[in-house]
Protein backbone atom coordinates (compact mmCIF):
# COMPACT_ATOMS: atom_id res chain seq x y z
CA MET A 1 0.00 0.00 0.00
CA ALA A 2 1.36 3.43 -0.93
CA LEU A 3 2.09 5.94 1.81
CA VAL A 4 -0.65 8.27 0.58
CA ASP A 5 -3.21 5.45 0.89
CA GLU A 6 -1.99 4.62 4.39
CA LEU A 7 -2.29 8.23 5.51
CA ILE A 8 -5.76 8.61 4.00
CA ALA A 9 -7.00 5.47 5.75
CA ASP A 10 -5.35 6.36 9.07
CA TRP A 11 -6.45 9.99 9.12
CA LYS A 12 -10.03 9.17 8.07
CA GLY A 13 -10.26 6.77 11.00
CA ARG A 14 -8.78 9.20 13.52
CA LYS A 15 -10.31 12.50 12.41
CA ALA A 16 -10.95 13.66 15.96
CA SER A 17 -7.61 12.69 17.46
CA LEU A 18 -4.90 13.75 15.01
CA ARG A 19 -2.15 15.95 16.33
CA CYS A 20 -0.65 18.89 14.49
CA GLY A 21 2.83 17.36 14.39
CA GLU A 22 1.54 14.08 12.94
CA VAL A 23 -0.18 15.81 10.05
CA ALA A 24 2.78 18.08 9.32
CA ALA A 25 5.17 15.11 9.33
CA GLY A 26 2.91 13.01 7.10
CA LEU A 27 2.45 15.80 4.58
CA MET A 28 6.20 16.40 4.44
CA LEU A 29 6.80 12.70 3.78
CA LEU A 30 4.56 13.10 0.73
CA GLY A 31 6.63 16.04 -0.52
CA PHE A 32 4.47 18.88 0.78
CA VAL A 33 6.12 22.02 2.12
CA VAL A 34 4.64 22.88 5.53
CA LYS A 35 5.19 26.36 6.96
CA ASP A 36 3.96 28.40 9.88
CA GLY A 37 1.09 30.69 8.92
CA LYS A 38 0.75 34.37 9.76
CA SER A 39 -1.27 33.72 12.90
CA PRO A 40 -0.11 31.58 15.83
CA GLY A 41 -1.16 27.96 15.45
CA HIS A 42 -1.83 28.20 11.73
CA LYS A 43 0.05 26.06 9.21
CA THR A 44 0.14 26.30 5.43
CA TYR A 45 1.05 23.56 3.01
CA SER A 46 1.85 23.41 -0.68
CA HIS A 47 3.43 20.92 -3.03
CA PRO A 48 5.91 21.93 -5.74
CA GLY A 49 5.04 18.88 -7.85
CA LEU A 50 1.28 19.48 -7.98
CA GLN A 51 0.76 22.18 -10.59
CA ASP A 52 -2.99 22.57 -9.99
CA PHE A 53 -2.69 22.72 -6.19
CA ARG A 54 -2.20 26.27 -4.97
CA GLY A 55 -1.91 25.31 -1.30
CA ALA A 56 -4.12 25.22 1.75
CA SER A 57 -3.93 25.68 5.50
CA TRP A 58 -5.13 24.42 8.83
CA ASN A 59 -5.27 25.68 12.39
CA CYS A 60 -3.35 23.73 15.00
CA GLY A 61 -5.11 25.41 17.89
CA HIS A 62 -3.28 26.21 21.11
CA GLY A 63 -0.85 24.34 23.28
CA LYS A 64 1.95 21.95 22.51
CA ASN A 65 1.10 19.66 19.57
CA PRO A 66 -2.69 20.08 19.92
CA GLU A 67 -5.36 18.05 18.17
CA ILE A 68 -6.57 19.39 14.85
CA LEU A 69 -10.28 20.09 14.45
CA THR A 70 -12.13 17.49 12.39
CA PRO A 71 -13.11 19.83 9.50
CA TYR A 72 -9.43 20.54 8.81
CA VAL A 73 -8.63 16.82 8.76
CA VAL A 74 -11.50 16.19 6.33
CA LYS A 75 -10.16 18.94 4.07
CA ILE A 76 -6.60 17.60 4.14
CA VAL A 77 -7.78 14.04 3.43
CA GLY A 78 -9.80 15.44 0.50
CA VAL A 79 -6.64 17.01 -0.92
CA LEU A 80 -4.78 13.71 -0.58
CA LYS A 81 -7.61 11.85 -2.32
CA GLN A 82 -7.77 14.42 -5.12
CA TYR A 83 -4.05 14.18 -5.85
CA ARG A 84 -3.61 10.53 -4.87
CA ASP A 85 -2.26 9.39 -8.24
CA GLU A 86 0.35 12.14 -8.39
CA LEU A 87 1.44 11.50 -4.79
CA ALA A 88 1.64 7.70 -5.01
């Protein structure tokens, strides 16, 4: 199973308990560039190899390695599904 498929399956099953660091690390393993956003707790991600993907962001919340809100996880998983073939 390709890494992208593993992350999709894992993150779909743990939508309410994913930590900011886990998502950032997983995205970077897939070649995404993860950066701090303008506001505290915000992260942005882009991928130099995906020409149609302009980038997106999520909010990590507060505290050390907090859980990400479910809507952000759903959005990130949607991006991975959309570009699955290019990421595999």
